[in-house]
Amino acid sequence: MGVVTLSNLGCPFSFSRLRILVCCTRLMHRERGFSLVELLIIAGILLVLAAIVTPALLRARISANEASAVAALRSIRSAQLQYSQFYPTVGFADSITKLGPPAPGQAPSSSQANLLDFVLGCSNQPCLKSGYLFAVDQTSGTPINAFRVTAVPQTPGRTGQRGFCSTEPRVITADPAGGTACSVPI
C-alpha cells in the first residue's frame, strides 16, 4: 500500500489547516454512499426484475395447486371406495365430511369414517386445500352407487386455472374454465 498524502487526495500539498479541512471534507463526501441517481437506477432494475419474475412465480404456484388438487381427488376417490367397502348398506359417502375424522374420543362410523385427514375431510364441504375447494356431488341410488368429486379453484386465475372432477370409474377430467363442467380427460 502507498502512503496517503494530501496530494493523493486531490489536494495541493500544503499544511494549511483550511486546506486540510477542505481536502478531508471532499474525501468524506466521496465515501458517504450512493447518490440518489444511483439508488433510483438500482430501484428501477429491481422493479424490472420483479415484473419479469412475478408472473413466472404465479404460474408455478398455479401449477403446483393444480397438481395438488389432482392428487387430492385421487385420495378422496380411494377413500370413497374404502367407505363403500366398510359400509356396504350405505354405499358411497354423499359428502366429504363423512370421509373425515370423527370427533376426539369417538370411534369411526358411517357419518365420520376417518378415511381422510381433517383438511380434506373438513366439517362442512366444500373443503379448502391448496387453493382448491373440494366437494362430493351427484350421488344417486340406495345404497349410493354413484358419486362425483369436484375440485374448483378458490379464486380462478390466482389459485388455479382448471376445475377437476372424478367419478368412481377412476377417470379424472378437467374443466379449462375452472368450473365443474369437466369434459377434458387428464
N, C-alpha and C. Protein backbone atom coordinates (compact mmCIF):
# COMPACT_ATOMS: atom_id res chain seq x y z
N MET A 1 0.84 -1.17 0.00
CA MET A 1 0.00 0.00 0.00
C MET A 1 0.88 1.23 0.00
N GLY A 2 0.42 2.25 -0.69
CA GLY A 2 1.16 3.50 -0.75
C GLY A 2 0.85 4.37 0.45
N VAL A 3 1.65 5.39 0.58
CA VAL A 3 1.46 6.34 1.67
C VAL A 3 0.39 7.34 1.25
N VAL A 4 -0.55 7.64 2.14
CA VAL A 4 -1.60 8.61 1.86
C VAL A 4 -1.07 9.99 2.18
N THR A 5 -1.03 10.82 1.19
CA THR A 5 -0.63 12.22 1.39
C THR A 5 -1.75 13.10 0.89
N LEU A 6 -1.63 14.38 1.19
CA LEU A 6 -2.66 15.31 0.74
C LEU A 6 -2.73 15.36 -0.77
N SER A 7 -1.59 15.18 -1.45
CA SER A 7 -1.62 15.23 -2.90
C SER A 7 -2.34 14.01 -3.47
N ASN A 8 -2.29 12.86 -2.76
CA ASN A 8 -3.03 11.68 -3.19
C ASN A 8 -4.54 11.89 -3.08
N LEU A 9 -4.96 12.76 -2.22
CA LEU A 9 -6.38 13.02 -2.01
C LEU A 9 -6.91 14.08 -2.96
N GLY A 10 -6.11 14.54 -3.85
CA GLY A 10 -6.55 15.56 -4.80
C GLY A 10 -6.36 16.97 -4.30
N CYS A 11 -5.58 17.16 -3.25
CA CYS A 11 -5.35 18.50 -2.70
C CYS A 11 -3.91 18.90 -2.99
N PRO A 12 -3.71 20.17 -3.23
CA PRO A 12 -2.32 20.60 -3.38
C PRO A 12 -1.59 20.43 -2.05
N PHE A 13 -0.35 20.10 -2.13
CA PHE A 13 0.43 19.85 -0.92
C PHE A 13 0.56 21.15 -0.14
N SER A 14 -0.05 21.17 1.04
CA SER A 14 0.02 22.36 1.87
C SER A 14 -0.35 21.95 3.28
N PHE A 15 0.23 22.65 4.24
CA PHE A 15 -0.07 22.34 5.63
C PHE A 15 -1.10 23.29 6.23
N SER A 16 -1.69 24.08 5.43
CA SER A 16 -2.70 25.00 5.93
C SER A 16 -3.87 24.20 6.50
N ARG A 17 -4.31 24.58 7.68
CA ARG A 17 -5.43 23.86 8.31
C ARG A 17 -6.68 23.93 7.45
N LEU A 18 -6.91 25.04 6.82
CA LEU A 18 -8.09 25.20 5.99
C LEU A 18 -8.06 24.24 4.82
N ARG A 19 -6.89 24.14 4.19
CA ARG A 19 -6.80 23.23 3.04
C ARG A 19 -6.95 21.78 3.48
N ILE A 20 -6.40 21.40 4.61
CA ILE A 20 -6.56 20.04 5.12
C ILE A 20 -8.03 19.76 5.39
N LEU A 21 -8.75 20.69 5.97
CA LEU A 21 -10.16 20.54 6.26
C LEU A 21 -10.96 20.38 4.98
N VAL A 22 -10.66 21.19 3.96
CA VAL A 22 -11.36 21.10 2.67
C VAL A 22 -11.08 19.76 2.02
N CYS A 23 -9.84 19.31 2.04
CA CYS A 23 -9.48 18.03 1.42
C CYS A 23 -10.15 16.87 2.14
N CYS A 24 -10.17 16.89 3.44
CA CYS A 24 -10.81 15.82 4.21
C CYS A 24 -12.31 15.81 3.98
N THR A 25 -12.91 16.98 3.82
CA THR A 25 -14.35 17.06 3.56
C THR A 25 -14.66 16.45 2.20
N ARG A 26 -13.82 16.73 1.19
CA ARG A 26 -14.02 16.12 -0.12
C ARG A 26 -13.93 14.60 -0.03
N LEU A 27 -12.97 14.11 0.71
CA LEU A 27 -12.79 12.68 0.88
C LEU A 27 -14.01 12.06 1.55
N MET A 28 -14.54 12.70 2.56
CA MET A 28 -15.71 12.17 3.26
C MET A 28 -16.93 12.15 2.34
N HIS A 29 -17.08 13.14 1.49
CA HIS A 29 -18.21 13.16 0.57
C HIS A 29 -18.12 12.01 -0.43
N ARG A 30 -16.92 11.67 -0.82
CA ARG A 30 -16.75 10.57 -1.75
C ARG A 30 -17.12 9.24 -1.12
N GLU A 31 -16.94 9.04 0.14
CA GLU A 31 -17.14 7.75 0.79
C GLU A 31 -18.48 7.63 1.51
N ARG A 32 -19.35 8.60 1.38
CA ARG A 32 -20.60 8.58 2.14
C ARG A 32 -21.55 7.48 1.69
N GLY A 33 -21.63 7.18 0.45
CA GLY A 33 -22.56 6.16 -0.03
C GLY A 33 -23.00 6.44 -1.45
N PHE A 34 -24.17 5.90 -1.79
CA PHE A 34 -24.69 6.04 -3.14
C PHE A 34 -25.41 7.37 -3.30
N SER A 35 -25.36 7.88 -4.49
CA SER A 35 -26.11 9.11 -4.77
C SER A 35 -27.57 8.74 -5.04
N LEU A 36 -28.42 9.71 -5.07
CA LEU A 36 -29.84 9.48 -5.31
C LEU A 36 -30.06 8.88 -6.69
N VAL A 37 -29.33 9.32 -7.67
CA VAL A 37 -29.46 8.79 -9.03
C VAL A 37 -29.09 7.31 -9.06
N GLU A 38 -28.00 6.96 -8.39
CA GLU A 38 -27.60 5.55 -8.34
C GLU A 38 -28.66 4.70 -7.66
N LEU A 39 -29.24 5.19 -6.59
CA LEU A 39 -30.29 4.44 -5.90
C LEU A 39 -31.53 4.29 -6.77
N LEU A 40 -31.89 5.32 -7.53
CA LEU A 40 -33.04 5.24 -8.43
C LEU A 40 -32.79 4.23 -9.55
N ILE A 41 -31.58 4.17 -10.05
CA ILE A 41 -31.24 3.19 -11.09
C ILE A 41 -31.37 1.78 -10.53
N ILE A 42 -30.85 1.55 -9.34
CA ILE A 42 -30.95 0.23 -8.71
C ILE A 42 -32.41 -0.14 -8.48
N ALA A 43 -33.21 0.81 -7.99
CA ALA A 43 -34.63 0.55 -7.76
C ALA A 43 -35.33 0.20 -9.07
N GLY A 44 -35.00 0.89 -10.14
CA GLY A 44 -35.59 0.60 -11.44
C GLY A 44 -35.24 -0.79 -11.93
N ILE A 45 -34.00 -1.19 -11.75
CA ILE A 45 -33.57 -2.54 -12.15
C ILE A 45 -34.33 -3.58 -11.34
N LEU A 46 -34.46 -3.36 -10.04
CA LEU A 46 -35.20 -4.31 -9.20
C LEU A 46 -36.67 -4.40 -9.61
N LEU A 47 -37.28 -3.29 -9.96
CA LEU A 47 -38.68 -3.32 -10.41
C LEU A 47 -38.84 -4.09 -11.71
N VAL A 48 -37.91 -3.93 -12.63
CA VAL A 48 -37.96 -4.67 -13.88
C VAL A 48 -37.81 -6.16 -13.61
N LEU A 49 -36.88 -6.54 -12.76
CA LEU A 49 -36.71 -7.95 -12.41
C LEU A 49 -37.96 -8.51 -11.74
N ALA A 50 -38.57 -7.75 -10.85
CA ALA A 50 -39.79 -8.21 -10.18
C ALA A 50 -40.92 -8.39 -11.18
N ALA A 51 -41.02 -7.50 -12.16
CA ALA A 51 -42.06 -7.62 -13.18
C ALA A 51 -41.86 -8.86 -14.04
N ILE A 52 -40.62 -9.26 -14.23
CA ILE A 52 -40.33 -10.45 -15.02
C ILE A 52 -40.59 -11.72 -14.21
N VAL A 53 -40.21 -11.73 -12.95
CA VAL A 53 -40.27 -12.94 -12.12
C VAL A 53 -41.67 -13.22 -11.58
N THR A 54 -42.45 -12.20 -11.26
CA THR A 54 -43.74 -12.40 -10.61
C THR A 54 -44.69 -13.29 -11.42
N PRO A 55 -44.90 -13.06 -12.72
CA PRO A 55 -45.80 -13.95 -13.46
C PRO A 55 -45.32 -15.40 -13.47
N ALA A 56 -44.02 -15.60 -13.53
CA ALA A 56 -43.49 -16.97 -13.52
C ALA A 56 -43.78 -17.64 -12.19
N LEU A 57 -43.63 -16.90 -11.10
CA LEU A 57 -43.94 -17.47 -9.78
C LEU A 57 -45.42 -17.79 -9.65
N LEU A 58 -46.28 -16.93 -10.18
CA LEU A 58 -47.72 -17.17 -10.13
C LEU A 58 -48.07 -18.42 -10.93
N ARG A 59 -47.49 -18.57 -12.12
CA ARG A 59 -47.75 -19.77 -12.92
C ARG A 59 -47.26 -21.02 -12.20
N ALA A 60 -46.12 -20.94 -11.54
CA ALA A 60 -45.59 -22.09 -10.81
C ALA A 60 -46.52 -22.45 -9.65
N ARG A 61 -47.03 -21.45 -8.95
CA ARG A 61 -47.94 -21.72 -7.84
C ARG A 61 -49.24 -22.34 -8.34
N ILE A 62 -49.77 -21.82 -9.45
CA ILE A 62 -51.00 -22.38 -10.02
C ILE A 62 -50.76 -23.83 -10.43
N SER A 63 -49.64 -24.10 -11.07
CA SER A 63 -49.32 -25.47 -11.49
C SER A 63 -49.21 -26.40 -10.29
N ALA A 64 -48.57 -25.95 -9.22
CA ALA A 64 -48.45 -26.77 -8.01
C ALA A 64 -49.82 -27.00 -7.37
N ASN A 65 -50.66 -25.98 -7.33
CA ASN A 65 -52.01 -26.14 -6.77
C ASN A 65 -52.83 -27.13 -7.58
N GLU A 66 -52.71 -27.07 -8.91
CA GLU A 66 -53.46 -28.00 -9.76
C GLU A 66 -52.98 -29.43 -9.55
N ALA A 67 -51.68 -29.63 -9.44
CA ALA A 67 -51.15 -30.98 -9.18
C ALA A 67 -51.63 -31.48 -7.83
N SER A 68 -51.66 -30.61 -6.84
CA SER A 68 -52.15 -30.99 -5.51
C SER A 68 -53.63 -31.34 -5.57
N ALA A 69 -54.41 -30.60 -6.36
CA ALA A 69 -55.84 -30.88 -6.48
C ALA A 69 -56.09 -32.25 -7.10
N VAL A 70 -55.33 -32.59 -8.13
CA VAL A 70 -55.48 -33.90 -8.77
C VAL A 70 -55.12 -35.01 -7.78
N ALA A 71 -54.04 -34.83 -7.03
CA ALA A 71 -53.65 -35.84 -6.03
C ALA A 71 -54.72 -35.96 -4.95
N ALA A 72 -55.30 -34.85 -4.53
CA ALA A 72 -56.36 -34.89 -3.51
C ALA A 72 -57.60 -35.59 -4.05
N LEU A 73 -57.92 -35.38 -5.33
CA LEU A 73 -59.06 -36.09 -5.93
C LEU A 73 -58.84 -37.59 -5.89
N ARG A 74 -57.63 -38.01 -6.17
CA ARG A 74 -57.33 -39.44 -6.12
C ARG A 74 -57.48 -39.98 -4.69
N SER A 75 -57.05 -39.20 -3.71
CA SER A 75 -57.19 -39.61 -2.31
C SER A 75 -58.66 -39.71 -1.92
N ILE A 76 -59.45 -38.74 -2.33
CA ILE A 76 -60.88 -38.76 -2.00
C ILE A 76 -61.56 -39.93 -2.68
N ARG A 77 -61.21 -40.17 -3.94
CA ARG A 77 -61.80 -41.30 -4.66
C ARG A 77 -61.43 -42.62 -3.97
N SER A 78 -60.19 -42.78 -3.56
CA SER A 78 -59.79 -44.00 -2.83
C SER A 78 -60.54 -44.13 -1.52
N ALA A 79 -60.71 -43.01 -0.82
CA ALA A 79 -61.47 -43.03 0.43
C ALA A 79 -62.92 -43.42 0.17
N GLN A 80 -63.49 -42.99 -0.93
CA GLN A 80 -64.86 -43.36 -1.28
C GLN A 80 -64.97 -44.88 -1.50
N LEU A 81 -64.00 -45.44 -2.20
CA LEU A 81 -64.02 -46.88 -2.44
C LEU A 81 -63.90 -47.66 -1.12
N GLN A 82 -63.02 -47.22 -0.23
CA GLN A 82 -62.91 -47.86 1.08
C GLN A 82 -64.20 -47.70 1.88
N TYR A 83 -64.79 -46.53 1.83
CA TYR A 83 -66.03 -46.25 2.56
C TYR A 83 -67.13 -47.22 2.11
N SER A 84 -67.24 -47.42 0.79
CA SER A 84 -68.29 -48.31 0.28
C SER A 84 -68.05 -49.76 0.70
N GLN A 85 -66.79 -50.13 0.92
CA GLN A 85 -66.50 -51.49 1.39
C GLN A 85 -66.76 -51.62 2.88
N PHE A 86 -66.46 -50.57 3.66
CA PHE A 86 -66.70 -50.61 5.11
C PHE A 86 -68.19 -50.51 5.45
N TYR A 87 -68.94 -49.77 4.65
CA TYR A 87 -70.36 -49.54 4.93
C TYR A 87 -71.19 -49.87 3.68
N PRO A 88 -71.30 -51.17 3.35
CA PRO A 88 -71.99 -51.57 2.11
C PRO A 88 -73.48 -51.21 2.10
N THR A 89 -74.10 -51.09 3.25
CA THR A 89 -75.52 -50.73 3.26
C THR A 89 -75.73 -49.25 2.94
N VAL A 90 -74.69 -48.45 3.12
CA VAL A 90 -74.77 -47.02 2.81
C VAL A 90 -74.28 -46.76 1.38
N GLY A 91 -73.28 -47.50 0.94
CA GLY A 91 -72.68 -47.27 -0.37
C GLY A 91 -71.59 -46.21 -0.25
N PHE A 92 -71.53 -45.33 -1.23
CA PHE A 92 -70.54 -44.25 -1.21
C PHE A 92 -71.02 -43.13 -0.29
N ALA A 93 -70.09 -42.33 0.19
CA ALA A 93 -70.44 -41.18 1.03
C ALA A 93 -71.02 -40.08 0.15
N ASP A 94 -72.06 -39.42 0.65
CA ASP A 94 -72.67 -38.33 -0.12
C ASP A 94 -72.06 -36.96 0.23
N SER A 95 -71.04 -36.96 1.09
CA SER A 95 -70.37 -35.72 1.49
C SER A 95 -68.94 -36.06 1.91
N ILE A 96 -68.04 -35.14 1.65
CA ILE A 96 -66.65 -35.35 2.08
C ILE A 96 -66.56 -35.43 3.60
N THR A 97 -67.44 -34.74 4.28
CA THR A 97 -67.38 -34.74 5.75
C THR A 97 -67.55 -36.14 6.32
N LYS A 98 -68.26 -37.01 5.61
CA LYS A 98 -68.43 -38.39 6.09
C LYS A 98 -67.14 -39.20 5.95
N LEU A 99 -66.23 -38.72 5.14
CA LEU A 99 -64.95 -39.41 4.97
C LEU A 99 -63.89 -38.90 5.95
N GLY A 100 -64.19 -37.82 6.63
CA GLY A 100 -63.23 -37.18 7.53
C GLY A 100 -63.14 -37.84 8.89
N PRO A 101 -62.31 -37.28 9.75
CA PRO A 101 -62.08 -37.87 11.07
C PRO A 101 -63.25 -37.61 12.03
N PRO A 102 -63.47 -38.54 12.95
CA PRO A 102 -64.52 -38.32 13.95
C PRO A 102 -64.04 -37.33 15.02
N ALA A 103 -64.96 -36.92 15.84
CA ALA A 103 -64.61 -36.03 16.96
C ALA A 103 -63.65 -36.77 17.89
N PRO A 104 -62.81 -36.04 18.62
CA PRO A 104 -61.87 -36.69 19.54
C PRO A 104 -62.61 -37.62 20.51
N GLY A 105 -62.08 -38.82 20.65
CA GLY A 105 -62.66 -39.80 21.57
C GLY A 105 -63.78 -40.62 20.96
N GLN A 106 -64.18 -40.33 19.73
CA GLN A 106 -65.25 -41.07 19.06
C GLN A 106 -64.66 -42.11 18.11
N ALA A 107 -65.38 -43.20 17.95
CA ALA A 107 -64.96 -44.24 17.02
C ALA A 107 -65.44 -43.88 15.61
N PRO A 108 -64.70 -44.33 14.58
CA PRO A 108 -65.16 -44.08 13.22
C PRO A 108 -66.54 -44.71 12.99
N SER A 109 -67.34 -44.05 12.18
CA SER A 109 -68.67 -44.54 11.84
C SER A 109 -69.00 -44.09 10.42
N SER A 110 -70.18 -44.43 9.95
CA SER A 110 -70.56 -44.03 8.59
C SER A 110 -70.74 -42.52 8.46
N SER A 111 -70.88 -41.81 9.57
CA SER A 111 -71.01 -40.35 9.50
C SER A 111 -69.65 -39.65 9.56
N GLN A 112 -68.62 -40.34 10.06
CA GLN A 112 -67.24 -39.83 10.08
C GLN A 112 -66.31 -41.04 10.10
N ALA A 113 -65.93 -41.46 8.90
CA ALA A 113 -65.24 -42.74 8.74
C ALA A 113 -63.74 -42.69 8.98
N ASN A 114 -63.15 -41.53 9.16
CA ASN A 114 -61.72 -41.40 9.42
C ASN A 114 -60.86 -41.93 8.26
N LEU A 115 -61.29 -41.65 7.03
CA LEU A 115 -60.54 -42.09 5.86
C LEU A 115 -59.74 -40.96 5.22
N LEU A 116 -60.02 -39.72 5.62
CA LEU A 116 -59.28 -38.55 5.14
C LEU A 116 -58.81 -37.74 6.33
N ASP A 117 -57.79 -36.93 6.12
CA ASP A 117 -57.32 -36.05 7.19
C ASP A 117 -58.33 -34.93 7.43
N PHE A 118 -58.09 -34.13 8.44
CA PHE A 118 -59.03 -33.08 8.80
C PHE A 118 -59.09 -31.95 7.78
N VAL A 119 -58.09 -31.84 6.89
CA VAL A 119 -58.12 -30.78 5.87
C VAL A 119 -59.07 -31.17 4.74
N LEU A 120 -58.88 -32.36 4.18
CA LEU A 120 -59.78 -32.81 3.11
C LEU A 120 -61.12 -33.27 3.65
N GLY A 121 -61.13 -33.86 4.81
CA GLY A 121 -62.37 -34.32 5.41
C GLY A 121 -62.89 -33.30 6.41
N CYS A 122 -63.04 -32.07 5.98
CA CYS A 122 -63.42 -30.98 6.88
C CYS A 122 -64.86 -31.15 7.38
N SER A 123 -65.27 -30.30 8.30
CA SER A 123 -66.59 -30.46 8.91
C SER A 123 -67.73 -29.99 8.02
N ASN A 124 -67.48 -29.12 7.06
CA ASN A 124 -68.51 -28.66 6.12
C ASN A 124 -67.91 -28.54 4.74
N GLN A 125 -68.49 -29.24 3.78
CA GLN A 125 -67.99 -29.08 2.42
C GLN A 125 -68.57 -27.83 1.81
N PRO A 126 -67.88 -27.19 0.89
CA PRO A 126 -66.63 -27.59 0.27
C PRO A 126 -65.44 -27.41 1.20
N CYS A 127 -64.49 -28.30 1.07
CA CYS A 127 -63.28 -28.28 1.89
C CYS A 127 -62.16 -27.60 1.10
N LEU A 128 -61.40 -26.74 1.75
CA LEU A 128 -60.35 -25.97 1.09
C LEU A 128 -58.98 -26.60 1.35
N LYS A 129 -58.26 -26.83 0.25
CA LYS A 129 -56.88 -27.31 0.36
C LYS A 129 -56.10 -26.78 -0.84
N SER A 130 -54.97 -26.15 -0.57
CA SER A 130 -54.05 -25.66 -1.61
C SER A 130 -54.77 -24.83 -2.67
N GLY A 131 -55.66 -23.95 -2.25
CA GLY A 131 -56.32 -23.05 -3.19
C GLY A 131 -57.47 -23.66 -3.96
N TYR A 132 -57.88 -24.87 -3.63
CA TYR A 132 -58.99 -25.53 -4.31
C TYR A 132 -60.08 -25.91 -3.30
N LEU A 133 -61.33 -25.85 -3.77
CA LEU A 133 -62.49 -26.24 -2.96
C LEU A 133 -62.97 -27.61 -3.45
N PHE A 134 -63.09 -28.55 -2.52
CA PHE A 134 -63.46 -29.93 -2.85
C PHE A 134 -64.85 -30.23 -2.32
N ALA A 135 -65.62 -30.98 -3.12
CA ALA A 135 -66.97 -31.38 -2.70
C ALA A 135 -67.35 -32.68 -3.39
N VAL A 136 -68.27 -33.40 -2.78
CA VAL A 136 -68.87 -34.58 -3.38
C VAL A 136 -70.28 -34.18 -3.81
N ASP A 137 -70.62 -34.50 -5.06
CA ASP A 137 -71.98 -34.23 -5.53
C ASP A 137 -72.41 -35.34 -6.47
N GLN A 138 -73.57 -35.19 -7.05
CA GLN A 138 -74.15 -36.14 -7.99
C GLN A 138 -74.16 -37.57 -7.45
N THR A 139 -74.58 -37.71 -6.20
CA THR A 139 -74.73 -39.05 -5.63
C THR A 139 -76.12 -39.55 -5.97
N SER A 140 -76.22 -40.85 -6.19
CA SER A 140 -77.53 -41.43 -6.51
C SER A 140 -77.58 -42.87 -6.06
N GLY A 141 -78.81 -43.36 -5.86
CA GLY A 141 -79.05 -44.75 -5.51
C GLY A 141 -79.16 -44.96 -4.01
N THR A 142 -79.78 -46.10 -3.66
CA THR A 142 -79.85 -46.53 -2.27
C THR A 142 -79.52 -48.01 -2.25
N PRO A 143 -78.39 -48.39 -1.74
CA PRO A 143 -77.29 -47.57 -1.25
C PRO A 143 -76.71 -46.74 -2.39
N ILE A 144 -75.99 -45.70 -2.02
CA ILE A 144 -75.42 -44.78 -3.02
C ILE A 144 -74.40 -45.53 -3.87
N ASN A 145 -74.68 -45.59 -5.18
CA ASN A 145 -73.81 -46.36 -6.06
C ASN A 145 -73.09 -45.48 -7.09
N ALA A 146 -73.24 -44.17 -7.01
CA ALA A 146 -72.55 -43.27 -7.93
C ALA A 146 -72.23 -41.96 -7.20
N PHE A 147 -71.15 -41.36 -7.58
CA PHE A 147 -70.75 -40.08 -6.98
C PHE A 147 -69.84 -39.34 -7.94
N ARG A 148 -69.63 -38.08 -7.66
CA ARG A 148 -68.65 -37.28 -8.38
C ARG A 148 -67.96 -36.40 -7.34
N VAL A 149 -66.64 -36.31 -7.44
CA VAL A 149 -65.86 -35.41 -6.58
C VAL A 149 -65.41 -34.26 -7.47
N THR A 150 -65.59 -33.03 -6.98
CA THR A 150 -65.19 -31.86 -7.75
C THR A 150 -64.13 -31.06 -6.98
N ALA A 151 -63.28 -30.42 -7.75
CA ALA A 151 -62.27 -29.50 -7.19
C ALA A 151 -62.26 -28.27 -8.08
N VAL A 152 -62.62 -27.13 -7.51
CA VAL A 152 -62.63 -25.88 -8.28
C VAL A 152 -61.70 -24.88 -7.60
N PRO A 153 -61.05 -24.02 -8.38
CA PRO A 153 -60.16 -23.03 -7.77
C PRO A 153 -60.93 -22.08 -6.85
N GLN A 154 -60.35 -21.79 -5.72
CA GLN A 154 -60.97 -20.84 -4.79
C GLN A 154 -61.07 -19.46 -5.44
N THR A 155 -60.02 -19.05 -6.13
CA THR A 155 -60.02 -17.79 -6.88
C THR A 155 -59.50 -18.12 -8.28
N PRO A 156 -60.39 -18.33 -9.25
CA PRO A 156 -59.93 -18.70 -10.59
C PRO A 156 -58.94 -17.67 -11.14
N GLY A 157 -57.87 -18.20 -11.73
CA GLY A 157 -56.82 -17.35 -12.27
C GLY A 157 -55.72 -17.02 -11.27
N ARG A 158 -55.98 -17.16 -9.99
CA ARG A 158 -54.97 -16.87 -8.97
C ARG A 158 -54.54 -18.14 -8.24
N THR A 159 -55.49 -18.99 -7.84
CA THR A 159 -55.13 -20.22 -7.13
C THR A 159 -55.16 -21.43 -8.06
N GLY A 160 -55.74 -21.29 -9.23
CA GLY A 160 -55.81 -22.36 -10.21
C GLY A 160 -56.54 -21.89 -11.45
N GLN A 161 -56.31 -22.58 -12.56
CA GLN A 161 -56.99 -22.24 -13.81
C GLN A 161 -58.12 -23.21 -14.11
N ARG A 162 -57.86 -24.50 -13.88
CA ARG A 162 -58.82 -25.53 -14.28
C ARG A 162 -59.57 -26.08 -13.08
N GLY A 163 -60.80 -26.51 -13.34
CA GLY A 163 -61.56 -27.28 -12.36
C GLY A 163 -61.37 -28.76 -12.68
N PHE A 164 -61.53 -29.62 -11.67
CA PHE A 164 -61.32 -31.05 -11.88
C PHE A 164 -62.49 -31.83 -11.32
N CYS A 165 -62.77 -32.98 -11.94
CA CYS A 165 -63.85 -33.86 -11.49
C CYS A 165 -63.35 -35.30 -11.54
N SER A 166 -63.91 -36.12 -10.68
CA SER A 166 -63.57 -37.54 -10.68
C SER A 166 -64.82 -38.33 -10.31
N THR A 167 -64.99 -39.44 -10.99
CA THR A 167 -66.10 -40.35 -10.69
C THR A 167 -65.54 -41.69 -10.28
N GLU A 168 -66.39 -42.58 -9.87
CA GLU A 168 -65.89 -43.86 -9.38
C GLU A 168 -65.18 -44.71 -10.42
N PRO A 169 -65.39 -44.55 -11.73
CA PRO A 169 -64.60 -45.37 -12.65
C PRO A 169 -63.13 -44.95 -12.77
N ARG A 170 -62.64 -44.12 -11.89
CA ARG A 170 -61.22 -43.73 -11.85
C ARG A 170 -60.78 -42.84 -13.00
N VAL A 171 -61.69 -42.06 -13.50
CA VAL A 171 -61.36 -41.12 -14.56
C VAL A 171 -61.38 -39.72 -13.97
N ILE A 172 -60.29 -38.97 -14.19
CA ILE A 172 -60.24 -37.58 -13.75
C ILE A 172 -60.30 -36.71 -15.00
N THR A 173 -61.25 -35.78 -14.99
CA THR A 173 -61.43 -34.87 -16.12
C THR A 173 -61.27 -33.44 -15.63
N ALA A 174 -61.06 -32.54 -16.59
CA ALA A 174 -60.83 -31.14 -16.25
C ALA A 174 -61.80 -30.23 -16.98
N ASP A 175 -62.06 -29.08 -16.37
CA ASP A 175 -62.82 -28.01 -17.00
C ASP A 175 -61.86 -26.84 -17.16
N PRO A 176 -61.45 -26.53 -18.41
CA PRO A 176 -60.49 -25.44 -18.61
C PRO A 176 -60.98 -24.09 -18.08
N ALA A 177 -62.29 -23.92 -17.93
CA ALA A 177 -62.84 -22.65 -17.45
C ALA A 177 -62.79 -22.54 -15.93
N GLY A 178 -62.42 -23.61 -15.25
CA GLY A 178 -62.30 -23.56 -13.79
C GLY A 178 -63.56 -23.97 -13.05
N GLY A 179 -64.56 -24.49 -13.76
CA GLY A 179 -65.81 -24.89 -13.11
C GLY A 179 -65.92 -26.39 -12.96
N THR A 180 -67.16 -26.88 -12.96
CA THR A 180 -67.41 -28.31 -12.77
C THR A 180 -67.96 -28.97 -14.04
N ALA A 181 -67.90 -28.29 -15.17
CA ALA A 181 -68.32 -28.88 -16.45
C ALA A 181 -67.12 -29.61 -17.05
N CYS A 182 -66.67 -30.63 -16.35
CA CYS A 182 -65.44 -31.33 -16.71
C CYS A 182 -65.67 -32.27 -17.88
N SER A 183 -64.89 -32.10 -18.93
CA SER A 183 -65.03 -32.96 -20.10
C SER A 183 -63.68 -33.36 -20.70
N VAL A 184 -62.62 -32.70 -20.31
CA VAL A 184 -61.30 -32.96 -20.88
C VAL A 184 -60.55 -33.94 -19.99
N PRO A 185 -60.29 -35.18 -20.47
CA PRO A 185 -59.54 -36.13 -19.64
C PRO A 185 -58.11 -35.65 -19.42
N ILE A 186 -57.58 -35.95 -18.23
CA ILE A 186 -56.19 -35.58 -17.98
C ILE A 186 -55.36 -36.83 -17.73
